[in-house]
C-alpha atoms as a PDB file:
ATOM      1  CA  UNK A   1      15.883  -2.505  48.553  1.00  0.00           C
ATOM      2  CA  UNK A   2      15.397   0.414  46.700  1.00  0.00           C
ATOM      3  CA  UNK A   3      15.200   4.053  48.377  1.00  0.00           C
ATOM      4  CA  UNK A   4      11.882   6.026  48.607  1.00  0.00           C
ATOM      5  CA  UNK A   5      13.858   8.422  46.483  1.00  0.00           C
ATOM      6  CA  UNK A   6      13.157   6.694  43.605  1.00  0.00           C
ATOM      7  CA  UNK A   7      10.035   4.824  44.513  1.00  0.00           C
ATOM      8  CA  UNK A   8       9.100   8.120  44.659  1.00  0.00           C
ATOM      9  CA  UNK A   9      10.669   9.518  41.697  1.00  0.00           C
ATOM     10  CA  UNK A  10       7.853   6.264  39.548  1.00  0.00           C
ATOM     11  CA  UNK A  11       5.317   7.463  41.359  1.00  0.00           C
ATOM     12  CA  UNK A  12       5.840  11.234  40.723  1.00  0.00           C
ATOM     13  CA  UNK A  13       6.671  10.065  37.108  1.00  0.00           C
ATOM     14  CA  UNK A  14       3.632   7.607  37.121  1.00  0.00           C
ATOM     15  CA  UNK A  15       1.328  11.017  38.367  1.00  0.00           C
ATOM     16  CA  UNK A  16       2.580  13.797  35.573  1.00  0.00           C
ATOM     17  CA  UNK A  17       1.948  11.188  33.038  1.00  0.00           C
ATOM     18  CA  UNK A  18      -1.830  10.019  34.086  1.00  0.00           C
ATOM     19  CA  UNK A  19      -3.080  14.332  35.168  1.00  0.00           C
ATOM     20  CA  UNK A  20      -0.515  15.994  31.806  1.00  0.00           C
ATOM     21  CA  UNK A  21      -0.020  12.560  29.094  1.00  0.00           C
ATOM     22  CA  UNK A  22       3.536  14.077  28.629  1.00  0.00           C
ATOM     23  CA  UNK A  23       5.014  10.992  26.797  1.00  0.00           C
ATOM     24  CA  UNK A  24       8.869  12.215  28.243  1.00  0.00           C
ATOM     25  CA  UNK A  25       7.561  10.906  32.175  1.00  0.00           C
ATOM     26  CA  UNK A  26       5.791   8.030  30.696  1.00  0.00           C
ATOM     27  CA  UNK A  27       8.957   6.961  29.401  1.00  0.00           C
ATOM     28  CA  UNK A  28      11.334   8.402  33.180  1.00  0.00           C
ATOM     29  CA  UNK A  29       8.545   6.834  34.662  1.00  0.00           C
ATOM     30  CA  UNK A  30       9.132   2.734  32.925  1.00  0.00           C
ATOM     31  CA  UNK A  31      12.707   3.621  33.103  1.00  0.00           C
ATOM     32  CA  UNK A  32      11.663   3.718  36.899  1.00  0.00           C
ATOM     33  CA  UNK A  33       9.873   0.597  37.092  1.00  0.00           C
ATOM     34  CA  UNK A  34      12.592  -1.167  35.445  1.00  0.00           C
ATOM     35  CA  UNK A  35      15.303  -0.627  38.140  1.00  0.00           C
ATOM     36  CA  UNK A  36      13.118  -0.624  40.594  1.00  0.00           C
ATOM     37  CA  UNK A  37      11.987  -3.908  38.978  1.00  0.00           C
ATOM     38  CA  UNK A  38      15.702  -5.221  39.303  1.00  0.00           C
ATOM     39  CA  UNK A  39      16.311  -5.003  42.756  1.00  0.00           C
ATOM     40  CA  UNK A  40      16.904  -8.406  44.385  1.00  0.00           C
ATOM     41  CA  UNK A  41      15.074  -7.846  47.133  1.00  0.00           C
ATOM     42  CA  UNK A  42      11.691  -6.886  45.791  1.00  0.00           C
ATOM     43  CA  UNK A  43       8.259  -8.677  46.881  1.00  0.00           C
ATOM     44  CA  UNK A  44       7.523 -10.856  43.966  1.00  0.00           C
ATOM     45  CA  UNK A  45       3.748  -9.061  44.260  1.00  0.00           C
ATOM     46  CA  UNK A  46       5.898  -5.844  44.089  1.00  0.00           C
ATOM     47  CA  UNK A  47       7.772  -7.334  41.128  1.00  0.00           C
ATOM     48  CA  UNK A  48       4.916  -8.450  39.686  1.00  0.00           C
ATOM     49  CA  UNK A  49       2.769  -4.595  39.871  1.00  0.00           C
ATOM     50  CA  UNK A  50       6.644  -2.351  38.608  1.00  0.00           C
ATOM     51  CA  UNK A  51       6.255  -5.066  35.760  1.00  0.00           C
ATOM     52  CA  UNK A  52       2.342  -4.748  34.983  1.00  0.00           C
ATOM     53  CA  UNK A  53       2.650  -1.227  35.428  1.00  0.00           C
ATOM     54  CA  UNK A  54       6.011  -0.389  33.350  1.00  0.00           C
ATOM     55  CA  UNK A  55       4.534  -2.649  30.042  1.00  0.00           C
ATOM     56  CA  UNK A  56       0.967  -0.607  30.556  1.00  0.00           C
ATOM     57  CA  UNK A  57       2.772   2.528  30.151  1.00  0.00           C
ATOM     58  CA  UNK A  58       5.549   1.132  26.779  1.00  0.00           C
ATOM     59  CA  UNK A  59       1.496   0.476  25.109  1.00  0.00           C
ATOM     60  CA  UNK A  60       0.726   3.884  25.526  1.00  0.00           C
ATOM     61  CA  UNK A  61       3.630   5.590  24.633  1.00  0.00           C
ATOM     62  CA  UNK A  62       4.151   2.939  21.337  1.00  0.00           C
ATOM     63  CA  UNK A  63      -0.068   3.412  20.436  1.00  0.00           C
ATOM     64  CA  UNK A  64       0.103   7.025  21.220  1.00  0.00           C
ATOM     65  CA  UNK A  65       3.687   7.167  18.424  1.00  0.00           C
ATOM     66  CA  UNK A  66       1.668   4.629  16.160  1.00  0.00           C
ATOM     67  CA  UNK A  67      -1.237   7.312  15.735  1.00  0.00           C
ATOM     68  CA  UNK A  68       1.681  10.364  15.365  1.00  0.00           C
ATOM     69  CA  UNK A  69       2.585   8.532  11.893  1.00  0.00           C
END
């Protein structure tokens, strides 16, 4: 089962990205959310939320990268 520090890290990076728009925080959050999804005992609904959040963040990072080019 995921540790409290893993959950806290993912939420912290999500908040930092939300507050500042920092793409590094978004990528860290994506990585942590993906790690959470890998846990076997994770509830299916929570897994789906983590996957959805990871996917949306990834889309935002890619959209910003495309706009900057």
